[in-house]
Amino acid sequence: MPKDHLNTVFKGALILSISSLVAKILSAVYRIPLQNMVGNTGFYVYQQIYPLYGIGMTFALNGFPNFISKLVAEQPDETSKSLIARRAFHILSGLSLVVFFGLQLGATWIAAHMGDVNLAPIISAVAWMFVFMPWLATGRGYYQGKFLMGPTAVSQLIEQVVRVAIIIMAAYFSVRLGWDNYRMGTWAMSSAPLAAICSSLIFTAFGLRYLLAPAPAPTHPLPSYRKLTKRFVIEGGTLCLVAAVVILLQLVDSFTVMRGLVHQGQLPEVAKALKGVYDRGQPLVQLGLVVATAFSAMLLPALTDALAKRQPIEFKRQTQAMVHVSLALSMAATVGLVALMPQINRLLFGSLEGTTALRIYIISILFAALITTYTSVLQSLNEYTAMIIGIIAGLATKVLANYIFVVHYGINGASAVTVLSLAVMFAVMWLGSPEDLQQVLLESGYLIKLLALSAVMGIVVILSCHQITALVGPILANTRGMAGIITVIGVLIGVLVFVAGAVYARLFTIREWLVLPYGKRLIKAVAKGKEHHS
């Protein structure tokens, strides 16, 4: 790969990584004020339908664009690239229309199987987003296939900003005008098609030139629609499945948690509120995953470069750095959030309801981060079998066990099954990955050091929070303001303990420290300290 071209790829990957990071943070953070404004039941109404939006946007943002970019990159000239994009657009248009009419005609049936027929108008509202999916996915895939990440990044940010603004406005007017929760939910989910329209405008020139104008004569043979559709189903479907893992688990929750709670003996209104409490875990997991995967994502271009240059030793080093950094950050985020959960729950959501369920749910961060990292490496090696089997096994676990666990253990059971499902997914992927990739987790006692360090950090943070609570008294400690102060102090103590322990135990190599923020400064400070003592 020429140096100039490689630089373009690196810059494009960086632009897309930054925009994805901002979009993920927005997607997680807005749900906290939403829950505060509309309450547990209003949050339940929104979260019941959110997985349908999430799946659609995963298809339009990650899965199909990545596959289409591969198709475009395979073509030898500009005419072939535009023609393959046109065919991809036609295939996706057929698929999106099937989904759109399926959701519109089946809205009442889907809502009834979720245990709440009042959700039907919200399902109908979100269905319109699928009409714009082909335009968005093809535009993004075409430009990514030419290593131009700017249009995808801009459309991604526009979509999130517009959607979040409309959702917060819907919640505000719901409170001011006294709307019921379902009317609020319908307006909030109308943000999905409206945001899709706004982000689609970025690709207007592309669409008019390459998708809607008369097709030029082909310069090279193109795959038939039949062969292309088969590739869409197998290769594109796999990429979509990988990208939508966590959202698919949430979709299972939409069909089982509410119904399971009612079967347990809860009144419908109580069950809705409890589902809303359970859904508090989703933005927390999203934020934890942003922290855990952001820095490992920066290593992906280097991983791709090592593969392209056929440097197996460098590829192994980059893979090790990626896995170690992702695992350490996800472990630290998981243990920290579990230790601070009572204070975080009080600070963000105004009560301690569901603290145990949220503590269990938070463990998802650990396995979801590992799955994300391992799938990135396996995709770069074109190893798809272990991924597909792992995802199917994990989803089957969730589908088979969730309802039973909810009936017996309530929302604690739903949280436990989510963690179990992700653990099954990762275990299958890990066992099915190449031996070198398996050994990355086991080399040089890394895992033992990390577990011991995380346990120490968690104990220190919990004891510190108990000590502060005892000093200020139970009445003051139960206020949101004090919960915020205790959370900040707990985070600072946790970071200091973890970093000091990581340096002392030599948890990371120099290469891995350099990936982390301020890692270079820390290495210099430690080196100076050694010189001073010697």
Protein backbone atom coordinates (compact mmCIF):
# COMPACT_ATOMS: atom_id res chain seq x y z
CA MET A 1 0.00 0.00 0.00
CA PRO A 2 1.60 3.38 -1.04
CA LYS A 3 2.58 5.69 1.81
CA ASP A 4 0.30 8.56 0.70
CA HIS A 5 -2.64 6.20 0.38
CA LEU A 6 -1.89 4.70 3.79
CA ASN A 7 -1.84 8.20 5.34
CA THR A 8 -5.26 8.86 3.78
CA VAL A 9 -6.59 5.64 5.31
CA PHE A 10 -5.17 6.54 8.74
CA LYS A 11 -6.61 10.07 8.64
CA GLY A 12 -9.99 8.76 7.49
CA ALA A 13 -10.06 6.13 10.24
CA LEU A 14 -9.20 8.81 12.81
CA ILE A 15 -11.95 11.17 11.58
CA LEU A 16 -14.51 8.37 11.65
CA SER A 17 -13.35 7.20 15.10
CA ILE A 18 -13.70 10.71 16.56
CA SER A 19 -17.17 11.26 15.05
CA SER A 20 -18.27 7.80 16.25
CA LEU A 21 -16.97 8.59 19.74
CA VAL A 22 -18.90 11.89 19.87
CA ALA A 23 -22.05 10.20 18.50
CA LYS A 24 -21.81 7.38 21.07
CA ILE A 25 -21.39 9.84 23.94
CA LEU A 26 -24.42 11.82 22.74
CA SER A 27 -26.42 8.61 22.35
CA ALA A 28 -25.67 7.59 25.94
CA VAL A 29 -25.86 10.95 27.71
CA TYR A 30 -29.24 12.24 26.44
CA ARG A 31 -31.10 9.35 28.08
CA ILE A 32 -30.18 10.59 31.55
CA PRO A 33 -32.08 13.94 31.27
CA LEU A 34 -34.83 12.09 29.37
CA GLN A 35 -35.38 9.72 32.31
CA ASN A 36 -35.26 12.62 34.78
CA MET A 37 -37.92 14.52 32.81
CA VAL A 38 -40.40 11.73 31.99
CA GLY A 39 -39.82 9.34 34.92
CA ASN A 40 -39.43 5.55 34.98
CA THR A 41 -42.64 4.77 33.07
CA GLY A 42 -41.94 7.37 30.37
CA PHE A 43 -38.41 6.00 30.05
CA TYR A 44 -39.86 2.48 29.73
CA VAL A 45 -42.09 3.62 26.83
CA TYR A 46 -39.09 5.06 24.97
CA GLN A 47 -36.73 2.17 25.70
CA GLN A 48 -39.22 -0.51 24.64
CA ILE A 49 -39.04 0.71 21.03
CA TYR A 50 -35.45 1.98 21.04
CA PRO A 51 -33.98 -1.38 19.90
CA LEU A 52 -35.94 -1.15 16.63
CA TYR A 53 -34.34 2.25 15.98
CA GLY A 54 -30.95 0.94 17.13
CA ILE A 55 -31.04 -2.00 14.72
CA GLY A 56 -32.03 0.26 11.80
CA MET A 57 -29.24 2.74 12.50
CA THR A 58 -26.71 -0.07 12.97
CA PHE A 59 -27.64 -1.31 9.50
CA ALA A 60 -27.43 2.22 8.03
CA LEU A 61 -24.34 3.33 9.92
CA ASN A 62 -22.07 0.31 10.39
CA GLY A 63 -23.11 -3.04 8.95
CA PHE A 64 -24.19 -2.35 5.38
CA PRO A 65 -21.91 0.69 4.77
CA ASN A 66 -18.88 -1.43 5.75
CA PHE A 67 -19.98 -4.16 3.35
CA ILE A 68 -20.77 -1.71 0.52
CA SER A 69 -17.39 -0.01 1.03
CA LYS A 70 -15.77 -3.41 0.47
CA LEU A 71 -17.77 -3.89 -2.75
CA VAL A 72 -16.81 -0.41 -3.99
CA ALA A 73 -13.12 -0.87 -3.12
CA GLU A 74 -13.08 -4.13 -5.15
CA GLN A 75 -14.05 -2.36 -8.39
CA PRO A 76 -11.29 -1.39 -10.87
CA ASP A 77 -12.62 2.00 -12.06
CA GLU A 78 -15.00 4.84 -11.21
CA THR A 79 -17.81 3.65 -13.49
CA SER A 80 -17.80 0.19 -11.92
CA LYS A 81 -17.77 1.73 -8.43
CA SER A 82 -20.86 3.83 -9.19
CA LEU A 83 -22.69 0.90 -10.82
CA ILE A 84 -22.04 -1.46 -7.90
CA ALA A 85 -23.27 1.25 -5.51
CA ARG A 86 -26.43 1.58 -7.64
CA ARG A 87 -27.08 -2.16 -7.45
CA ALA A 88 -26.48 -2.14 -3.69
CA PHE A 89 -29.01 0.70 -3.40
CA HIS A 90 -31.63 -1.32 -5.31
CA ILE A 91 -31.14 -4.41 -3.11
CA LEU A 92 -31.28 -2.37 0.11
CA SER A 93 -34.39 -0.53 -1.12
CA GLY A 94 -36.20 -3.84 -1.48
CA LEU A 95 -35.08 -4.96 1.97
CA SER A 96 -36.02 -1.66 3.64
CA LEU A 97 -39.50 -1.64 2.08
CA VAL A 98 -40.13 -5.17 3.40
CA VAL A 99 -39.08 -4.05 6.91
CA PHE A 100 -41.07 -0.79 6.66
CA PHE A 101 -44.34 -2.47 5.65
CA GLY A 102 -43.72 -5.30 8.12
CA LEU A 103 -43.45 -2.80 10.99
CA GLN A 104 -46.38 -0.71 9.81
CA LEU A 105 -48.75 -3.64 9.27
CA GLY A 106 -47.49 -5.59 12.27
CA ALA A 107 -47.22 -2.70 14.76
CA THR A 108 -50.19 -3.81 16.86
CA TRP A 109 -49.07 -7.47 16.81
CA ILE A 110 -45.51 -6.53 17.86
CA ALA A 111 -46.80 -4.21 20.62
CA ALA A 112 -49.13 -6.93 21.93
CA HIS A 113 -46.21 -9.40 22.13
CA MET A 114 -44.24 -6.78 24.03
CA GLY A 115 -47.12 -6.80 26.52
CA ASP A 116 -48.40 -3.27 25.80
CA VAL A 117 -50.63 -2.55 22.76
CA ASN A 118 -50.34 1.20 23.42
CA LEU A 119 -46.82 1.02 21.93
CA ALA A 120 -48.21 0.44 18.39
CA PRO A 121 -48.16 4.14 17.25
CA ILE A 122 -44.55 4.46 18.40
CA ILE A 123 -43.56 1.41 16.33
CA SER A 124 -45.30 2.96 13.31
CA ALA A 125 -43.40 6.23 13.87
CA VAL A 126 -39.95 4.62 14.00
CA ALA A 127 -40.71 2.45 10.92
CA TRP A 128 -40.35 5.48 8.63
CA MET A 129 -36.62 5.58 9.38
CA PHE A 130 -36.12 2.40 7.33
CA VAL A 131 -37.28 4.24 4.18
CA PHE A 132 -34.08 6.33 4.32
CA MET A 133 -31.74 3.45 5.25
CA PRO A 134 -30.75 2.55 1.62
CA TRP A 135 -29.82 6.15 0.77
CA LEU A 136 -27.73 6.57 3.96
CA ALA A 137 -26.04 3.16 3.84
CA THR A 138 -25.15 3.40 0.14
CA GLY A 139 -23.84 6.97 0.40
CA ARG A 140 -21.72 6.13 3.43
CA GLY A 141 -20.47 2.87 1.92
CA TYR A 142 -19.55 4.49 -1.41
CA TYR A 143 -17.41 7.21 0.17
CA GLN A 144 -15.84 4.81 2.68
CA GLY A 145 -14.95 2.51 -0.24
CA LYS A 146 -12.99 5.44 -1.71
CA PHE A 147 -11.39 6.09 1.72
CA LEU A 148 -13.28 9.38 2.12
CA MET A 149 -14.63 9.27 5.68
CA GLY A 150 -15.70 12.93 5.95
CA PRO A 151 -19.26 12.53 4.54
CA THR A 152 -19.96 9.54 6.82
CA ALA A 153 -18.62 11.39 9.86
CA VAL A 154 -20.67 14.53 9.15
CA SER A 155 -23.89 12.61 8.45
CA GLN A 156 -23.38 10.59 11.64
CA LEU A 157 -23.03 13.71 13.78
CA ILE A 158 -25.98 15.46 12.10
CA GLU A 159 -28.20 12.41 12.68
CA GLN A 160 -27.35 12.22 16.40
CA VAL A 161 -27.58 15.97 17.11
CA VAL A 162 -30.96 16.36 15.36
CA ARG A 163 -32.38 13.21 16.98
CA VAL A 164 -31.24 14.10 20.50
CA ALA A 165 -32.56 17.68 20.16
CA ILE A 166 -36.02 16.43 19.07
CA ILE A 167 -36.16 13.84 21.88
CA ILE A 168 -35.31 16.39 24.58
CA MET A 169 -37.85 18.84 23.09
CA ALA A 170 -40.52 16.09 23.10
CA ALA A 171 -39.77 15.35 26.77
CA TYR A 172 -39.88 19.07 27.63
CA PHE A 173 -43.25 19.65 25.94
CA SER A 174 -44.56 16.42 27.46
CA VAL A 175 -43.89 17.82 30.95
CA ARG A 176 -45.11 21.34 30.14
CA LEU A 177 -48.28 20.33 28.28
CA GLY A 178 -49.16 17.23 30.31
CA TRP A 179 -48.91 14.67 27.49
CA ASP A 180 -49.29 11.02 28.39
CA ASN A 181 -46.19 8.83 28.10
CA TYR A 182 -47.24 7.20 24.83
CA ARG A 183 -47.76 10.54 23.06
CA MET A 184 -44.34 11.61 24.32
CA GLY A 185 -42.87 8.33 23.07
CA THR A 186 -44.42 8.78 19.60
CA TRP A 187 -42.94 12.28 19.24
CA ALA A 188 -39.58 11.13 20.63
CA MET A 189 -39.37 8.24 18.16
CA SER A 190 -40.42 10.52 15.30
CA SER A 191 -36.93 11.94 15.78
CA ALA A 192 -35.53 8.85 14.01
CA PRO A 193 -36.98 9.51 10.50
CA LEU A 194 -36.55 13.29 10.87
CA ALA A 195 -32.88 12.87 11.79
CA ALA A 196 -32.44 10.38 8.93
CA ILE A 197 -33.84 12.98 6.47
CA CYS A 198 -31.39 15.62 7.73
CA SER A 199 -28.36 13.32 7.59
CA SER A 200 -29.43 12.06 4.13
CA LEU A 201 -29.03 15.59 2.72
CA ILE A 202 -25.24 15.13 2.89
CA PHE A 203 -25.56 12.53 0.11
CA THR A 204 -27.94 14.49 -2.16
CA ALA A 205 -25.32 15.24 -4.84
CA PHE A 206 -24.06 11.65 -4.72
CA GLY A 207 -27.57 10.21 -5.00
CA LEU A 208 -28.63 12.46 -7.90
CA ARG A 209 -25.46 11.64 -9.83
CA TYR A 210 -24.95 7.94 -9.13
CA LEU A 211 -28.28 6.47 -7.95
CA LEU A 212 -31.04 8.35 -9.76
CA ALA A 213 -29.40 9.54 -13.02
CA PRO A 214 -29.38 7.20 -16.08
CA ALA A 215 -26.83 4.43 -15.58
CA PRO A 216 -23.63 4.55 -17.68
CA ALA A 217 -22.56 1.55 -19.76
CA PRO A 218 -20.49 -0.91 -17.67
CA THR A 219 -16.76 -1.05 -18.40
CA HIS A 220 -16.21 -4.36 -16.59
CA PRO A 221 -18.45 -7.34 -15.77
CA LEU A 222 -20.43 -6.86 -12.55
CA PRO A 223 -21.87 -9.55 -10.28
CA SER A 224 -25.50 -10.38 -10.98
CA TYR A 225 -28.25 -9.18 -8.65
CA ARG A 226 -28.68 -12.77 -7.49
CA LYS A 227 -25.01 -13.19 -6.51
CA LEU A 228 -24.90 -9.72 -4.98
CA THR A 229 -28.04 -10.38 -2.90
CA LYS A 230 -26.47 -13.62 -1.64
CA ARG A 231 -23.35 -11.68 -0.57
CA PHE A 232 -25.55 -9.06 1.10
CA VAL A 233 -27.30 -11.73 3.14
CA ILE A 234 -24.16 -13.68 4.14
CA GLU A 235 -21.35 -11.08 4.38
CA GLY A 236 -23.42 -7.95 4.98
CA GLY A 237 -25.74 -9.79 7.36
CA THR A 238 -22.76 -10.99 9.41
CA LEU A 239 -21.36 -7.46 9.73
CA CYS A 240 -24.81 -6.18 10.78
CA LEU A 241 -25.17 -8.98 13.32
CA VAL A 242 -21.77 -8.19 14.85
CA ALA A 243 -22.51 -4.46 15.03
CA ALA A 244 -25.96 -4.97 16.61
CA VAL A 245 -25.10 -7.53 19.33
CA VAL A 246 -25.96 -5.42 22.40
CA ILE A 247 -29.07 -3.92 20.74
CA LEU A 248 -30.39 -7.39 19.85
CA LEU A 249 -30.17 -8.35 23.54
CA GLN A 250 -32.15 -5.20 24.38
CA LEU A 251 -34.77 -6.25 21.80
CA VAL A 252 -35.19 -9.57 23.62
CA ASP A 253 -35.70 -7.56 26.83
CA SER A 254 -38.47 -5.55 25.12
CA PHE A 255 -40.40 -8.75 24.45
CA THR A 256 -39.77 -10.54 27.75
CA VAL A 257 -39.09 -8.27 30.75
CA MET A 258 -42.44 -6.47 30.95
CA ARG A 259 -44.42 -9.68 30.32
CA GLY A 260 -42.25 -11.63 32.77
CA LEU A 261 -42.79 -9.08 35.53
CA VAL A 262 -46.57 -9.19 35.01
CA HIS A 263 -46.47 -13.02 35.11
CA GLN A 264 -44.46 -12.71 38.35
CA GLY A 265 -47.48 -10.93 39.86
CA GLN A 266 -46.62 -7.26 39.38
CA LEU A 267 -49.39 -4.86 38.33
CA PRO A 268 -48.87 -3.61 34.72
CA GLU A 269 -48.10 -0.04 35.84
CA VAL A 270 -45.58 -1.30 38.41
CA ALA A 271 -44.02 -3.61 35.79
CA LYS A 272 -43.59 -0.67 33.37
CA ALA A 273 -41.88 1.41 36.05
CA LEU A 274 -39.58 -1.51 36.96
CA LYS A 275 -38.64 -1.99 33.29
CA GLY A 276 -37.81 1.74 33.20
CA VAL A 277 -35.55 1.27 36.24
CA TYR A 278 -33.85 -1.71 34.54
CA ASP A 279 -33.29 0.38 31.40
CA ARG A 280 -31.16 2.84 33.41
CA GLY A 281 -28.31 0.41 32.88
CA GLN A 282 -28.18 0.91 29.11
CA PRO A 283 -26.71 4.44 29.00
CA LEU A 284 -24.24 3.48 31.75
CA VAL A 285 -23.06 0.45 29.74
CA GLN A 286 -22.81 2.61 26.60
CA LEU A 287 -20.64 5.16 28.38
CA GLY A 288 -18.46 2.42 29.85
CA LEU A 289 -17.99 0.90 26.39
CA VAL A 290 -17.03 4.27 24.92
CA VAL A 291 -14.21 4.51 27.47
CA ALA A 292 -13.18 0.88 27.05
CA THR A 293 -13.09 0.73 23.25
CA ALA A 294 -12.12 4.27 22.18
CA PHE A 295 -8.36 3.87 22.64
CA SER A 296 -8.16 0.30 21.33
CA ALA A 297 -9.98 1.52 18.17
CA MET A 298 -7.02 3.83 17.52
CA LEU A 299 -4.82 0.76 17.03
CA LEU A 300 -6.96 -0.66 14.21
CA PRO A 301 -5.16 1.20 11.37
CA ALA A 302 -1.81 -0.10 12.67
CA LEU A 303 -3.30 -3.60 12.80
CA THR A 304 -4.47 -3.28 9.18
CA ASP A 305 -1.06 -1.94 8.13
CA ALA A 306 0.76 -4.88 9.75
CA LEU A 307 -1.50 -7.32 7.89
CA ALA A 308 -1.04 -5.48 4.58
CA LYS A 309 2.75 -5.58 4.98
CA ARG A 310 2.68 -9.24 6.08
CA GLN A 311 4.37 -8.59 9.41
CA PRO A 312 3.03 -11.34 11.73
CA ILE A 313 5.16 -10.34 14.74
CA GLU A 314 4.02 -6.71 14.51
CA PHE A 315 0.42 -7.86 14.02
CA LYS A 316 0.64 -9.95 17.20
CA ARG A 317 2.12 -7.01 19.17
CA GLN A 318 -0.62 -4.66 18.00
CA THR A 319 -3.28 -7.26 18.77
CA GLN A 320 -1.87 -7.78 22.26
CA ALA A 321 -1.81 -4.03 22.91
CA MET A 322 -5.39 -3.70 21.64
CA VAL A 323 -6.74 -6.57 23.79
CA HIS A 324 -4.79 -5.58 26.92
CA VAL A 325 -5.81 -1.91 26.78
CA SER A 326 -9.47 -2.72 26.05
CA LEU A 327 -9.66 -5.35 28.80
CA ALA A 328 -7.95 -3.14 31.40
CA LEU A 329 -10.13 -0.12 30.69
CA SER A 330 -13.33 -2.18 30.62
CA MET A 331 -12.37 -3.96 33.85
CA ALA A 332 -11.56 -0.66 35.57
CA ALA A 333 -14.82 0.92 34.31
CA THR A 334 -16.85 -2.13 35.39
CA VAL A 335 -15.38 -2.41 38.90
CA GLY A 336 -15.53 1.36 39.42
CA LEU A 337 -19.18 1.61 38.36
CA VAL A 338 -20.16 -1.41 40.50
CA ALA A 339 -18.42 0.10 43.54
CA LEU A 340 -20.00 3.55 43.02
CA MET A 341 -23.41 2.38 41.79
CA PRO A 342 -25.53 3.58 44.76
CA GLN A 343 -24.09 7.10 44.42
CA ILE A 344 -24.27 7.07 40.58
CA ASN A 345 -27.88 5.86 40.68
CA ARG A 346 -28.83 8.62 43.13
CA LEU A 347 -26.87 11.30 41.21
CA LEU A 348 -28.12 10.51 37.68
CA PHE A 349 -31.60 9.12 38.28
CA GLY A 350 -32.63 10.53 41.67
CA SER A 351 -33.20 7.26 43.55
CA LEU A 352 -31.58 3.99 44.65
CA GLU A 353 -34.18 1.79 42.89
CA GLY A 354 -32.69 -1.16 41.06
CA THR A 355 -29.13 -0.68 42.36
CA THR A 356 -28.52 -4.44 42.56
CA ALA A 357 -29.86 -5.03 39.03
CA LEU A 358 -27.70 -2.19 37.70
CA ARG A 359 -24.60 -3.55 39.44
CA ILE A 360 -25.15 -6.89 37.71
CA TYR A 361 -25.98 -5.24 34.36
CA ILE A 362 -22.76 -3.16 34.46
CA ILE A 363 -20.66 -6.34 34.20
CA SER A 364 -21.84 -6.38 30.57
CA ILE A 365 -19.21 -3.70 29.84
CA LEU A 366 -16.41 -6.20 30.41
CA PHE A 367 -17.67 -8.85 28.00
CA ALA A 368 -19.07 -6.40 25.42
CA ALA A 369 -15.68 -4.64 25.20
CA LEU A 370 -13.88 -7.97 24.72
CA ILE A 371 -16.39 -9.01 22.04
CA THR A 372 -15.90 -5.69 20.22
CA THR A 373 -12.12 -6.02 20.33
CA TYR A 374 -12.00 -9.68 19.28
CA THR A 375 -14.48 -9.16 16.44
CA SER A 376 -12.29 -6.33 15.10
CA VAL A 377 -9.26 -8.63 15.05
CA LEU A 378 -11.20 -11.59 13.62
CA GLN A 379 -12.71 -9.41 10.87
CA SER A 380 -9.24 -8.19 9.89
CA LEU A 381 -8.25 -11.89 9.54
CA ASN A 382 -11.47 -12.68 7.62
CA GLU A 383 -12.38 -15.20 10.35
CA TYR A 384 -16.18 -15.06 10.56
CA THR A 385 -17.21 -18.57 11.71
CA ALA A 386 -16.39 -18.14 15.41
CA MET A 387 -18.11 -14.73 15.45
CA ILE A 388 -21.35 -16.01 13.91
CA ILE A 389 -21.53 -19.12 16.14
CA GLY A 390 -20.72 -17.02 19.23
CA ILE A 391 -23.39 -14.42 18.51
CA ILE A 392 -26.03 -17.06 17.76
CA ALA A 393 -25.14 -18.97 20.97
CA GLY A 394 -25.33 -15.78 23.05
CA LEU A 395 -28.65 -14.67 21.56
CA ALA A 396 -30.09 -18.18 22.01
CA THR A 397 -29.07 -18.03 25.70
CA LYS A 398 -30.88 -14.70 26.12
CA VAL A 399 -34.02 -15.83 24.28
CA LEU A 400 -34.30 -19.15 26.14
CA ALA A 401 -33.45 -17.96 29.66
CA ASN A 402 -34.61 -14.34 29.95
CA TYR A 403 -38.36 -14.80 30.53
CA ILE A 404 -37.82 -17.62 33.06
CA PHE A 405 -35.24 -15.61 35.03
CA VAL A 406 -37.46 -12.48 35.04
CA VAL A 407 -40.41 -14.47 36.38
CA HIS A 408 -38.28 -15.88 39.21
CA TYR A 409 -35.83 -13.04 39.96
CA GLY A 410 -37.34 -9.89 38.43
CA ILE A 411 -35.05 -7.32 36.82
CA ASN A 412 -32.04 -8.86 38.64
CA GLY A 413 -32.66 -11.97 36.56
CA ALA A 414 -32.81 -10.00 33.30
CA SER A 415 -29.46 -8.36 34.15
CA ALA A 416 -27.86 -11.71 34.99
CA VAL A 417 -28.99 -13.28 31.70
CA THR A 418 -27.63 -10.32 29.71
CA VAL A 419 -24.20 -10.82 31.32
CA LEU A 420 -24.41 -14.60 30.83
CA SER A 421 -25.33 -14.18 27.14
CA LEU A 422 -22.37 -11.88 26.47
CA ALA A 423 -20.07 -14.24 28.39
CA VAL A 424 -21.24 -17.15 26.20
CA MET A 425 -20.64 -15.06 23.04
CA PHE A 426 -17.12 -14.17 24.08
CA ALA A 427 -16.25 -17.71 25.26
CA VAL A 428 -17.27 -19.19 21.89
CA MET A 429 -15.37 -16.47 19.95
CA TRP A 430 -12.28 -16.94 22.11
CA LEU A 431 -12.31 -20.73 21.79
CA GLY A 432 -12.85 -20.46 18.01
CA SER A 433 -10.13 -17.87 17.42
CA PRO A 434 -6.57 -18.70 16.30
CA GLU A 435 -4.26 -19.99 19.05
CA ASP A 436 -2.10 -16.84 18.99
CA LEU A 437 -5.19 -14.71 19.65
CA GLN A 438 -6.24 -16.98 22.52
CA GLN A 439 -2.80 -16.69 24.15
CA VAL A 440 -2.95 -12.88 24.21
CA LEU A 441 -5.13 -12.98 27.35
CA LEU A 442 -2.98 -15.54 29.13
CA GLU A 443 0.56 -14.27 28.50
CA SER A 444 2.88 -13.16 31.34
CA GLY A 445 0.25 -13.42 34.08
CA TYR A 446 -1.56 -10.36 32.71
CA LEU A 447 -5.05 -11.55 33.65
CA ILE A 448 -4.09 -12.46 37.25
CA LYS A 449 -2.42 -9.08 37.77
CA LEU A 450 -5.45 -7.26 36.35
CA LEU A 451 -7.96 -9.18 38.50
CA ALA A 452 -5.94 -8.57 41.69
CA LEU A 453 -5.47 -4.87 40.90
CA SER A 454 -9.17 -4.40 40.08
CA ALA A 455 -10.21 -6.11 43.33
CA VAL A 456 -7.93 -3.82 45.37
CA MET A 457 -9.26 -0.75 43.54
CA GLY A 458 -12.89 -1.77 44.13
CA ILE A 459 -12.35 -2.41 47.86
CA VAL A 460 -10.53 0.90 48.35
CA VAL A 461 -13.27 2.84 46.53
CA ILE A 462 -16.10 1.17 48.52
CA LEU A 463 -14.34 1.76 51.86
CA SER A 464 -13.66 5.39 50.92
CA CYS A 465 -17.32 5.98 50.04
CA HIS A 466 -18.46 4.37 53.32
CA GLN A 467 -16.03 6.57 55.25
CA ILE A 468 -17.29 9.78 53.56
CA THR A 469 -20.92 8.72 54.18
CA ALA A 470 -20.18 8.13 57.86
CA LEU A 471 -18.51 11.56 58.15
CA VAL A 472 -21.33 13.59 56.54
CA GLY A 473 -24.21 11.55 58.01
CA PRO A 474 -26.94 9.51 56.28
CA ILE A 475 -29.31 12.44 55.64
CA LEU A 476 -26.79 14.58 53.75
CA ALA A 477 -25.29 11.51 52.02
CA ASN A 478 -28.69 10.72 50.45
CA THR A 479 -28.90 14.03 48.57
CA ARG A 480 -28.03 14.21 44.85
CA GLY A 481 -25.40 16.88 45.47
CA MET A 482 -23.49 14.83 48.01
CA ALA A 483 -23.88 11.73 45.82
CA GLY A 484 -22.14 13.72 43.07
CA ILE A 485 -19.30 14.76 45.38
CA ILE A 486 -18.80 11.18 46.65
CA THR A 487 -18.85 9.90 43.02
CA VAL A 488 -16.15 12.38 41.91
CA ILE A 489 -13.96 11.57 44.93
CA GLY A 490 -14.49 7.84 44.36
CA VAL A 491 -13.51 8.13 40.67
CA LEU A 492 -10.33 10.06 41.52
CA ILE A 493 -9.33 7.53 44.20
CA GLY A 494 -10.07 4.64 41.83
CA VAL A 495 -7.98 6.14 39.01
CA LEU A 496 -5.03 6.83 41.35
CA VAL A 497 -5.12 3.32 42.84
CA PHE A 498 -5.45 1.64 39.43
CA VAL A 499 -2.67 3.67 37.75
CA ALA A 500 -0.29 3.28 40.71
CA GLY A 501 -1.02 -0.45 40.87
CA ALA A 502 -0.56 -0.85 37.10
CA VAL A 503 2.86 0.84 37.29
CA TYR A 504 3.94 -1.18 40.34
CA ALA A 505 2.75 -4.52 38.89
CA ARG A 506 4.10 -3.70 35.40
CA LEU A 507 0.68 -4.44 33.96
CA PHE A 508 1.39 -2.77 30.59
CA THR A 509 4.29 -2.76 28.18
CA ILE A 510 5.70 0.60 27.06
CA ARG A 511 3.81 0.21 23.76
CA GLU A 512 0.53 -0.23 25.70
CA TRP A 513 1.20 2.76 27.99
CA LEU A 514 1.71 4.95 24.92
CA VAL A 515 -1.82 4.13 23.69
CA LEU A 516 -3.36 5.46 26.92
CA PRO A 517 -3.97 9.16 27.57
CA TYR A 518 -0.96 10.80 29.28
CA GLY A 519 0.85 7.46 29.06
CA LYS A 520 3.98 9.10 27.63
CA ARG A 521 4.14 11.58 30.52
CA LEU A 522 3.69 8.78 33.05
CA ILE A 523 6.55 6.77 31.53
CA LYS A 524 8.82 9.83 31.75
CA ALA A 525 7.75 10.53 35.37
CA VAL A 526 8.45 6.92 36.43
CA ALA A 527 11.84 7.00 34.67
CA LYS A 528 12.77 10.24 36.46
CA GLY A 529 11.67 8.75 39.80
CA LYS A 530 13.93 5.74 39.28
CA GLU A 531 16.87 7.99 38.38
CA HIS A 532 16.26 10.09 41.51
CA HIS A 533 16.19 7.02 43.81
CA SER A 534 19.27 5.50 42.19
